Amino acid sequence: ADNMYEGIYNELTQMLTDPGDLQRVRQAIRFHMIARFLERIADHATNIGEETILLYTGKRVKY
C-alpha cells in the first residue's frame, strides 16, 4: 500500500505542477485524499491481522 500511495503521490505532484485547468487540480486533490484513505485502510487491515495471529497463536508478529 505504501508503494501504491507513493506512486499516486508522484503522479498527483506532476499534475499539480502543470495544472491545465482548475478541474484537474480538484481531481488531483480528490485522488490524493482517496490514496491516503486507502493507505490507512491497509494499515488497519494489517493491525487486525496481527491481532488475530496474537489471539490464535499467542505470538506477536509485525508486518
C-alpha atoms as a PDB file:
ATOM      1  CA  ALA A   1       0.000   0.000   0.000  1.00  0.00           C
ATOM      2  CA  ASP A   2       2.867   2.358   0.762  1.00  0.00           C
ATOM      3  CA  ASN A   3       4.367   1.881  -2.717  1.00  0.00           C
ATOM      4  CA  MET A   4       0.968   2.450  -4.321  1.00  0.00           C
ATOM      5  CA  TYR A   5       0.495   5.617  -2.278  1.00  0.00           C
ATOM      6  CA  GLU A   6       3.928   6.894  -3.282  1.00  0.00           C
ATOM      7  CA  GLY A   7       3.198   6.271  -6.969  1.00  0.00           C
ATOM      8  CA  ILE A   8      -0.112   8.098  -6.778  1.00  0.00           C
ATOM      9  CA  TYR A   9       1.529  10.948  -4.867  1.00  0.00           C
ATOM     10  CA  ASN A  10       4.173  11.336  -7.577  1.00  0.00           C
ATOM     11  CA  GLU A  11       1.538  11.397 -10.327  1.00  0.00           C
ATOM     12  CA  LEU A  12      -0.517  13.970  -8.470  1.00  0.00           C
ATOM     13  CA  THR A  13       2.507  16.153  -7.845  1.00  0.00           C
ATOM     14  CA  GLN A  14       3.142  16.166 -11.584  1.00  0.00           C
ATOM     15  CA  MET A  15      -0.499  17.065 -12.268  1.00  0.00           C
ATOM     16  CA  LEU A  16      -0.396  19.945  -9.791  1.00  0.00           C
ATOM     17  CA  THR A  17       2.844  21.411 -11.120  1.00  0.00           C
ATOM     18  CA  ASP A  18       1.320  21.555 -14.616  1.00  0.00           C
ATOM     19  CA  PRO A  19      -2.305  22.455 -13.939  1.00  0.00           C
ATOM     20  CA  GLY A  20      -4.142  22.684 -17.238  1.00  0.00           C
ATOM     21  CA  ASP A  21      -7.324  23.805 -15.533  1.00  0.00           C
ATOM     22  CA  LEU A  22      -8.883  24.081 -12.108  1.00  0.00           C
ATOM     23  CA  GLN A  23     -10.957  20.917 -12.562  1.00  0.00           C
ATOM     24  CA  ARG A  24      -7.786  18.862 -12.989  1.00  0.00           C
ATOM     25  CA  VAL A  25      -6.346  20.283  -9.761  1.00  0.00           C
ATOM     26  CA  ARG A  26      -9.553  19.430  -7.896  1.00  0.00           C
ATOM     27  CA  GLN A  27      -9.441  15.908  -9.279  1.00  0.00           C
ATOM     28  CA  ALA A  28      -5.810  15.527  -8.193  1.00  0.00           C
ATOM     29  CA  ILE A  29      -6.684  16.614  -4.662  1.00  0.00           C
ATOM     30  CA  ARG A  30      -9.550  14.091  -4.507  1.00  0.00           C
ATOM     31  CA  PHE A  31      -7.268  11.308  -5.737  1.00  0.00           C
ATOM     32  CA  HIS A  32      -4.714  12.239  -3.095  1.00  0.00           C
ATOM     33  CA  MET A  33      -7.328  12.030  -0.356  1.00  0.00           C
ATOM     34  CA  ILE A  34      -8.557   8.652  -1.627  1.00  0.00           C
ATOM     35  CA  ALA A  35      -4.986   7.333  -1.726  1.00  0.00           C
ATOM     36  CA  ARG A  36      -4.454   8.465   1.873  1.00  0.00           C
ATOM     37  CA  PHE A  37      -7.650   6.748   2.990  1.00  0.00           C
ATOM     38  CA  LEU A  38      -6.690   3.528   1.194  1.00  0.00           C
ATOM     39  CA  GLU A  39      -3.305   3.576   2.895  1.00  0.00           C
ATOM     40  CA  ARG A  40      -4.989   3.943   6.284  1.00  0.00           C
ATOM     41  CA  ILE A  41      -7.364   1.073   5.493  1.00  0.00           C
ATOM     42  CA  ALA A  42      -4.392  -1.119   4.581  1.00  0.00           C
ATOM     43  CA  ASP A  43      -2.649  -0.185   7.840  1.00  0.00           C
ATOM     44  CA  HIS A  44      -5.773  -1.067   9.824  1.00  0.00           C
ATOM     45  CA  ALA A  45      -6.113  -4.383   7.988  1.00  0.00           C
ATOM     46  CA  THR A  46      -2.502  -5.186   8.884  1.00  0.00           C
ATOM     47  CA  ASN A  47      -3.197  -4.375  12.536  1.00  0.00           C
ATOM     48  CA  ILE A  48      -6.282  -6.601  12.530  1.00  0.00           C
ATOM     49  CA  GLY A  49      -4.250  -9.444  11.030  1.00  0.00           C
ATOM     50  CA  GLU A  50      -1.508  -9.043  13.621  1.00  0.00           C
ATOM     51  CA  GLU A  51      -4.024  -9.056  16.475  1.00  0.00           C
ATOM     52  CA  THR A  52      -5.768 -12.119  15.033  1.00  0.00           C
ATOM     53  CA  ILE A  53      -2.468 -14.010  14.903  1.00  0.00           C
ATOM     54  CA  LEU A  54      -1.780 -12.971  18.504  1.00  0.00           C
ATOM     55  CA  LEU A  55      -5.197 -14.228  19.626  1.00  0.00           C
ATOM     56  CA  TYR A  56      -4.824 -17.627  17.968  1.00  0.00           C
ATOM     57  CA  THR A  57      -1.119 -18.321  18.476  1.00  0.00           C
ATOM     58  CA  GLY A  58      -0.105 -16.166  21.404  1.00  0.00           C
ATOM     59  CA  LYS A  59       2.774 -14.854  19.280  1.00  0.00           C
ATOM     60  CA  ARG A  60       3.174 -11.210  18.357  1.00  0.00           C
ATOM     61  CA  VAL A  61       4.129 -10.577  14.744  1.00  0.00           C
ATOM     62  CA  LYS A  62       4.823  -7.327  12.919  1.00  0.00           C
ATOM     63  CA  TYR A  63       4.340  -6.849   9.197  1.00  0.00           C
END
